[in-house]
Amino acid sequence: MVEGITFDSQHEANGYGELMILHRVGLIRLLQCQVPYALVVKEVLVAKYVADFVFDKLVRGEWVG
């Protein structure tokens, strides 16, 4: 558990800690955890995916998502 969030593994919790450092210094923004995505091909759901983390990052002065 980190900052009140329970993670599936210590590795994932450590990754969150590293991302929070980048967030605090302004290199990433809009950090979200456990974001679900539906993978659809030709209007058929073929899989569901849950991203551990989603965020925008600052690259050469521009935000990239």
PDB file of N, CA and C in Angstrom:
ATOM      1  N   MET A   1       0.850  -1.176   0.000  1.00  0.00           N
ATOM      2  CA  MET A   1       0.000   0.000   0.000  1.00  0.00           C
ATOM      3  C   MET A   1       0.899   1.244   0.000  1.00  0.00           C
ATOM      4  N   VAL A   2       0.590   2.174  -0.903  1.00  0.00           N
ATOM      5  CA  VAL A   2       1.326   3.431  -1.004  1.00  0.00           C
ATOM      6  C   VAL A   2       0.306   4.560  -1.094  1.00  0.00           C
ATOM      7  N   GLU A   3       0.437   5.549  -0.252  1.00  0.00           N
ATOM      8  CA  GLU A   3      -0.468   6.708  -0.248  1.00  0.00           C
ATOM      9  C   GLU A   3      -1.936   6.279  -0.245  1.00  0.00           C
ATOM     10  N   GLY A   4      -2.247   5.227   0.495  1.00  0.00           N
ATOM     11  CA  GLY A   4      -3.614   4.759   0.608  1.00  0.00           C
ATOM     12  C   GLY A   4      -4.105   3.900  -0.547  1.00  0.00           C
ATOM     13  N   ILE A   5      -3.221   3.597  -1.503  1.00  0.00           N
ATOM     14  CA  ILE A   5      -3.587   2.784  -2.656  1.00  0.00           C
ATOM     15  C   ILE A   5      -2.956   1.407  -2.497  1.00  0.00           C
ATOM     16  N   THR A   6      -3.764   0.351  -2.647  1.00  0.00           N
ATOM     17  CA  THR A   6      -3.257  -1.011  -2.575  1.00  0.00           C
ATOM     18  C   THR A   6      -2.895  -1.479  -3.978  1.00  0.00           C
ATOM     19  N   PHE A   7      -1.673  -1.971  -4.142  1.00  0.00           N
ATOM     20  CA  PHE A   7      -1.195  -2.448  -5.439  1.00  0.00           C
ATOM     21  C   PHE A   7      -1.096  -3.966  -5.435  1.00  0.00           C
ATOM     22  N   ASP A   8      -1.119  -4.562  -6.624  1.00  0.00           N
ATOM     23  CA  ASP A   8      -1.062  -6.016  -6.759  1.00  0.00           C
ATOM     24  C   ASP A   8       0.311  -6.579  -6.409  1.00  0.00           C
ATOM     25  N   SER A   9       1.354  -5.762  -6.522  1.00  0.00           N
ATOM     26  CA  SER A   9       2.705  -6.254  -6.247  1.00  0.00           C
ATOM     27  C   SER A   9       3.577  -5.127  -5.715  1.00  0.00           C
ATOM     28  N   GLN A  10       4.685  -5.503  -5.110  1.00  0.00           N
ATOM     29  CA  GLN A  10       5.647  -4.518  -4.646  1.00  0.00           C
ATOM     30  C   GLN A  10       6.264  -3.784  -5.838  1.00  0.00           C
ATOM     31  N   HIS A  11       6.459  -4.497  -6.930  1.00  0.00           N
ATOM     32  CA  HIS A  11       7.019  -3.895  -8.148  1.00  0.00           C
ATOM     33  C   HIS A  11       6.111  -2.768  -8.658  1.00  0.00           C
ATOM     34  N   GLU A  12       4.812  -3.029  -8.687  1.00  0.00           N
ATOM     35  CA  GLU A  12       3.854  -2.013  -9.135  1.00  0.00           C
ATOM     36  C   GLU A  12       3.834  -0.831  -8.160  1.00  0.00           C
ATOM     37  N   ALA A  13       3.896  -1.091  -6.872  1.00  0.00           N
ATOM     38  CA  ALA A  13       3.942  -0.015  -5.874  1.00  0.00           C
ATOM     39  C   ALA A  13       5.197   0.828  -6.035  1.00  0.00           C
ATOM     40  N   ASN A  14       6.323   0.174  -6.315  1.00  0.00           N
ATOM     41  CA  ASN A  14       7.565   0.916  -6.544  1.00  0.00           C
ATOM     42  C   ASN A  14       7.471   1.787  -7.790  1.00  0.00           C
ATOM     43  N   GLY A  15       6.843   1.253  -8.841  1.00  0.00           N
ATOM     44  CA  GLY A  15       6.640   2.036 -10.064  1.00  0.00           C
ATOM     45  C   GLY A  15       5.801   3.263  -9.804  1.00  0.00           C
ATOM     46  N   TYR A  16       4.767   3.105  -8.994  1.00  0.00           N
ATOM     47  CA  TYR A  16       3.918   4.247  -8.641  1.00  0.00           C
ATOM     48  C   TYR A  16       4.733   5.298  -7.891  1.00  0.00           C
ATOM     49  N   GLY A  17       5.572   4.857  -6.962  1.00  0.00           N
ATOM     50  CA  GLY A  17       6.412   5.798  -6.223  1.00  0.00           C
ATOM     51  C   GLY A  17       7.327   6.587  -7.141  1.00  0.00           C
ATOM     52  N   GLU A  18       7.911   5.912  -8.127  1.00  0.00           N
ATOM     53  CA  GLU A  18       8.782   6.594  -9.082  1.00  0.00           C
ATOM     54  C   GLU A  18       7.994   7.585  -9.932  1.00  0.00           C
ATOM     55  N   LEU A  19       6.787   7.192 -10.367  1.00  0.00           N
ATOM     56  CA  LEU A  19       5.951   8.096 -11.155  1.00  0.00           C
ATOM     57  C   LEU A  19       5.508   9.306 -10.337  1.00  0.00           C
ATOM     58  N   MET A  20       5.252   9.113  -9.051  1.00  0.00           N
ATOM     59  CA  MET A  20       4.861  10.241  -8.202  1.00  0.00           C
ATOM     60  C   MET A  20       5.996  11.253  -8.082  1.00  0.00           C
ATOM     61  N   ILE A  21       7.232  10.794  -8.055  1.00  0.00           N
ATOM     62  CA  ILE A  21       8.369  11.726  -8.040  1.00  0.00           C
ATOM     63  C   ILE A  21       8.377  12.552  -9.325  1.00  0.00           C
ATOM     64  N   LEU A  22       8.197  11.895 -10.469  1.00  0.00           N
ATOM     65  CA  LEU A  22       8.152  12.614 -11.747  1.00  0.00           C
ATOM     66  C   LEU A  22       6.977  13.589 -11.794  1.00  0.00           C
ATOM     67  N   HIS A  23       5.858  13.201 -11.198  1.00  0.00           N
ATOM     68  CA  HIS A  23       4.685  14.074 -11.145  1.00  0.00           C
ATOM     69  C   HIS A  23       4.965  15.313 -10.300  1.00  0.00           C
ATOM     70  N   ARG A  24       5.588  15.113  -9.158  1.00  0.00           N
ATOM     71  CA  ARG A  24       5.869  16.228  -8.246  1.00  0.00           C
ATOM     72  C   ARG A  24       6.833  17.249  -8.847  1.00  0.00           C
ATOM     73  N   VAL A  25       7.760  16.790  -9.690  1.00  0.00           N
ATOM     74  CA  VAL A  25       8.711  17.727 -10.297  1.00  0.00           C
ATOM     75  C   VAL A  25       8.223  18.259 -11.641  1.00  0.00           C
ATOM     76  N   GLY A  26       7.028  17.847 -12.052  1.00  0.00           N
ATOM     77  CA  GLY A  26       6.404  18.417 -13.238  1.00  0.00           C
ATOM     78  C   GLY A  26       6.766  17.769 -14.562  1.00  0.00           C
ATOM     79  N   LEU A  27       7.325  16.559 -14.543  1.00  0.00           N
ATOM     80  CA  LEU A  27       7.689  15.891 -15.796  1.00  0.00           C
ATOM     81  C   LEU A  27       6.566  15.013 -16.350  1.00  0.00           C
ATOM     82  N   ILE A  28       5.583  14.660 -15.508  1.00  0.00           N
ATOM     83  CA  ILE A  28       4.379  13.978 -15.972  1.00  0.00           C
ATOM     84  C   ILE A  28       3.176  14.645 -15.326  1.00  0.00           C
ATOM     85  N   ARG A  29       2.007  14.433 -15.913  1.00  0.00           N
ATOM     86  CA  ARG A  29       0.764  14.975 -15.353  1.00  0.00           C
ATOM     87  C   ARG A  29      -0.366  13.996 -15.622  1.00  0.00           C
ATOM     88  N   LEU A  30      -1.480  14.213 -14.988  1.00  0.00           N
ATOM     89  CA  LEU A  30      -2.697  13.425 -15.179  1.00  0.00           C
ATOM     90  C   LEU A  30      -2.461  11.929 -14.944  1.00  0.00           C
ATOM     91  N   LEU A  31      -1.717  11.611 -13.886  1.00  0.00           N
ATOM     92  CA  LEU A  31      -1.410  10.217 -13.550  1.00  0.00           C
ATOM     93  C   LEU A  31      -2.678   9.504 -13.092  1.00  0.00           C
ATOM     94  N   GLN A  32      -2.990   8.367 -13.733  1.00  0.00           N
ATOM     95  CA  GLN A  32      -4.135   7.544 -13.378  1.00  0.00           C
ATOM     96  C   GLN A  32      -3.664   6.104 -13.180  1.00  0.00           C
ATOM     97  N   CYS A  33      -4.320   5.396 -12.275  1.00  0.00           N
ATOM     98  CA  CYS A  33      -3.991   3.997 -12.008  1.00  0.00           C
ATOM     99  C   CYS A  33      -5.128   3.092 -12.465  1.00  0.00           C
ATOM    100  N   GLN A  34      -4.761   1.901 -12.942  1.00  0.00           N
ATOM    101  CA  GLN A  34      -5.716   0.849 -13.300  1.00  0.00           C
ATOM    102  C   GLN A  34      -6.780   1.341 -14.283  1.00  0.00           C
ATOM    103  N   VAL A  35      -6.333   1.794 -15.446  1.00  0.00           N
ATOM    104  CA  VAL A  35      -7.236   2.326 -16.467  1.00  0.00           C
ATOM    105  C   VAL A  35      -7.645   1.191 -17.422  1.00  0.00           C
ATOM    106  N   PRO A  36      -8.958   0.904 -17.517  1.00  0.00           N
ATOM    107  CA  PRO A  36      -9.410  -0.190 -18.387  1.00  0.00           C
ATOM    108  C   PRO A  36      -9.559   0.258 -19.841  1.00  0.00           C
ATOM    109  N   TYR A  37      -9.237  -0.658 -20.744  1.00  0.00           N
ATOM    110  CA  TYR A  37      -9.409  -0.435 -22.181  1.00  0.00           C
ATOM    111  C   TYR A  37     -10.097  -1.655 -22.776  1.00  0.00           C
ATOM    112  N   ALA A  38     -11.041  -1.413 -23.668  1.00  0.00           N
ATOM    113  CA  ALA A  38     -11.662  -2.483 -24.438  1.00  0.00           C
ATOM    114  C   ALA A  38     -10.938  -2.537 -25.780  1.00  0.00           C
ATOM    115  N   LEU A  39     -10.472  -3.717 -26.173  1.00  0.00           N
ATOM    116  CA  LEU A  39      -9.793  -3.890 -27.449  1.00  0.00           C
ATOM    117  C   LEU A  39     -10.796  -4.473 -28.429  1.00  0.00           C
ATOM    118  N   VAL A  40     -11.158  -3.652 -29.411  1.00  0.00           N
ATOM    119  CA  VAL A  40     -12.229  -3.997 -30.342  1.00  0.00           C
ATOM    120  C   VAL A  40     -11.664  -4.058 -31.764  1.00  0.00           C
ATOM    121  N   VAL A  41     -11.999  -5.136 -32.468  1.00  0.00           N
ATOM    122  CA  VAL A  41     -11.616  -5.297 -33.868  1.00  0.00           C
ATOM    123  C   VAL A  41     -12.884  -5.564 -34.665  1.00  0.00           C
ATOM    124  N   LYS A  42     -13.125  -4.728 -35.656  1.00  0.00           N
ATOM    125  CA  LYS A  42     -14.331  -4.868 -36.498  1.00  0.00           C
ATOM    126  C   LYS A  42     -15.586  -4.987 -35.641  1.00  0.00           C
ATOM    127  N   GLU A  43     -15.678  -4.114 -34.659  1.00  0.00           N
ATOM    128  CA  GLU A  43     -16.835  -4.017 -33.773  1.00  0.00           C
ATOM    129  C   GLU A  43     -17.028  -5.239 -32.874  1.00  0.00           C
ATOM    130  N   VAL A  44     -15.997  -6.066 -32.699  1.00  0.00           N
ATOM    131  CA  VAL A  44     -16.066  -7.238 -31.833  1.00  0.00           C
ATOM    132  C   VAL A  44     -15.046  -7.070 -30.708  1.00  0.00           C
ATOM    133  N   LEU A  45     -15.514  -7.207 -29.491  1.00  0.00           N
ATOM    134  CA  LEU A  45     -14.612  -7.144 -28.350  1.00  0.00           C
ATOM    135  C   LEU A  45     -13.732  -8.384 -28.349  1.00  0.00           C
ATOM    136  N   VAL A  46     -12.416  -8.191 -28.502  1.00  0.00           N
ATOM    137  CA  VAL A  46     -11.510  -9.333 -28.544  1.00  0.00           C
ATOM    138  C   VAL A  46     -10.734  -9.501 -27.241  1.00  0.00           C
ATOM    139  N   ALA A  47     -10.650  -8.437 -26.448  1.00  0.00           N
ATOM    140  CA  ALA A  47      -9.938  -8.535 -25.171  1.00  0.00           C
ATOM    141  C   ALA A  47     -10.217  -7.292 -24.346  1.00  0.00           C
ATOM    142  N   LYS A  48      -9.942  -7.429 -23.071  1.00  0.00           N
ATOM    143  CA  LYS A  48      -9.969  -6.286 -22.161  1.00  0.00           C
ATOM    144  C   LYS A  48      -8.581  -6.160 -21.563  1.00  0.00           C
ATOM    145  N   TYR A  49      -8.111  -4.932 -21.441  1.00  0.00           N
ATOM    146  CA  TYR A  49      -6.770  -4.675 -20.919  1.00  0.00           C
ATOM    147  C   TYR A  49      -6.883  -3.609 -19.847  1.00  0.00           C
ATOM    148  N   VAL A  50      -6.146  -3.775 -18.762  1.00  0.00           N
ATOM    149  CA  VAL A  50      -6.099  -2.768 -17.709  1.00  0.00           C
ATOM    150  C   VAL A  50      -4.651  -2.293 -17.592  1.00  0.00           C
ATOM    151  N   ALA A  51      -4.429  -1.031 -17.937  1.00  0.00           N
ATOM    152  CA  ALA A  51      -3.092  -0.445 -17.835  1.00  0.00           C
ATOM    153  C   ALA A  51      -2.809  -0.114 -16.374  1.00  0.00           C
ATOM    154  N   ASP A  52      -1.636  -0.467 -15.894  1.00  0.00           N
ATOM    155  CA  ASP A  52      -1.283  -0.136 -14.515  1.00  0.00           C
ATOM    156  C   ASP A  52      -1.300   1.373 -14.313  1.00  0.00           C
ATOM    157  N   PHE A  53      -0.687   2.107 -15.254  1.00  0.00           N
ATOM    158  CA  PHE A  53      -0.582   3.563 -15.128  1.00  0.00           C
ATOM    159  C   PHE A  53      -0.760   4.213 -16.501  1.00  0.00           C
ATOM    160  N   VAL A  54      -1.414   5.360 -16.504  1.00  0.00           N
ATOM    161  CA  VAL A  54      -1.579   6.175 -17.704  1.00  0.00           C
ATOM    162  C   VAL A  54      -1.276   7.609 -17.297  1.00  0.00           C
ATOM    163  N   PHE A  55      -0.513   8.321 -18.139  1.00  0.00           N
ATOM    164  CA  PHE A  55      -0.146   9.705 -17.823  1.00  0.00           C
ATOM    165  C   PHE A  55       0.333  10.409 -19.074  1.00  0.00           C
ATOM    166  N   ASP A  56       0.363  11.735 -19.023  1.00  0.00           N
ATOM    167  CA  ASP A  56       0.991  12.558 -20.050  1.00  0.00           C
ATOM    168  C   ASP A  56       2.398  12.872 -19.583  1.00  0.00           C
ATOM    169  N   LYS A  57       3.355  12.924 -20.534  1.00  0.00           N
ATOM    170  CA  LYS A  57       4.724  13.271 -20.160  1.00  0.00           C
ATOM    171  C   LYS A  57       5.193  14.468 -20.967  1.00  0.00           C
ATOM    172  N   LEU A  58       6.109  15.205 -20.406  1.00  0.00           N
ATOM    173  CA  LEU A  58       6.675  16.376 -21.044  1.00  0.00           C
ATOM    174  C   LEU A  58       7.846  15.941 -21.912  1.00  0.00           C
ATOM    175  N   VAL A  59       7.721  16.177 -23.222  1.00  0.00           N
ATOM    176  CA  VAL A  59       8.775  15.809 -24.169  1.00  0.00           C
ATOM    177  C   VAL A  59       9.123  17.038 -25.004  1.00  0.00           C
ATOM    178  N   ARG A  60      10.359  17.494 -24.867  1.00  0.00           N
ATOM    179  CA  ARG A  60      10.848  18.673 -25.599  1.00  0.00           C
ATOM    180  C   ARG A  60       9.887  19.854 -25.478  1.00  0.00           C
ATOM    181  N   GLY A  61       9.382  20.067 -24.289  1.00  0.00           N
ATOM    182  CA  GLY A  61       8.517  21.207 -24.019  1.00  0.00           C
ATOM    183  C   GLY A  61       7.062  21.032 -24.378  1.00  0.00           C
ATOM    184  N   GLU A  62       6.661  19.839 -24.851  1.00  0.00           N
ATOM    185  CA  GLU A  62       5.260  19.595 -25.213  1.00  0.00           C
ATOM    186  C   GLU A  62       4.734  18.374 -24.456  1.00  0.00           C
ATOM    187  N   TRP A  63       3.447  18.429 -24.101  1.00  0.00           N
ATOM    188  CA  TRP A  63       2.821  17.303 -23.395  1.00  0.00           C
ATOM    189  C   TRP A  63       2.378  16.243 -24.403  1.00  0.00           C
ATOM    190  N   VAL A  64       2.776  15.006 -24.134  1.00  0.00           N
ATOM    191  CA  VAL A  64       2.450  13.871 -24.985  1.00  0.00           C
ATOM    192  C   VAL A  64       1.687  12.855 -24.137  1.00  0.00           C
ATOM    193  N   GLY A  65       0.566  12.377 -24.621  1.00  0.00           N
ATOM    194  CA  GLY A  65      -0.254  11.457 -23.840  1.00  0.00           C
ATOM    195  C   GLY A  65      -0.202  10.049 -24.300  1.00  0.00           C
TER     196      GLY A  65
END
